[in-house]
Amino acid sequence: MSEQTATQNRSESPPFGTVEVIVKHQGIENKIIGTPEGVVREILAYFSRAYPSLELVAKLVLTPDNTEFMEACTGVLASTKEGLAVLRDVNGLRDKELVMLYLSGSRLQHLVAARVTDTIALDELTRLTGRATGTVAGRLSELCNEQLAERAGKGSYRLTTMGTRTAVKTLLPKVSTLPER
């Protein structure tokens, strides 16, 4: 390949972080260019129009919206180089809410690549919440029974899809009304 051709190919490529997908379906070719999330939404919209039953399936399958989750965390939780920062005064939260808040923080840190997994260990939760190990273990058991959290290994827990939804719809909005720290 000549140097001029290579330069032309580089200048034609989309900006960094942009995704380009070509969909060929029933003899028609569509090119979709944009952010990864925007491209996925456009592909889903395309197939929902082509196959209306997919829209019904999408309504029946609960999947966490990471963007919605991160927006709900804004002003409540933040990831720092030292770890998770809770930006609100959470002293008035019940034990179960506090445990769920730190499970949400673990998920947030994983989503922003500050943590390898979205799980958090019982001993870390105990340290972060300042509650007794038995109290934290009891609240985790309750959250698991309610299918809001799940055990991900020996002494390690994470939010479930339903737990993420509950955090977005009820917990994080409640915490966002608390005074700032």
Foldseek 3Di string as FASTA:
>chain_A
DDPVVVVVVVVPDDDPQKDWDWDQDPNDIDIDIGHPVVSVVVVLVVVCVVPVVSVVVVVVDQADDVVLLVVLCVQAWDADLVGIDGFFDCPPPDLLLLLLVVLSRLQVCVVVVNDVDSKDFLVVSCVVVVHDSVSSVVSQVVCVVVQQKDAPDVRIIHGDSVVSVCCSPPSSVVRSPGHTD
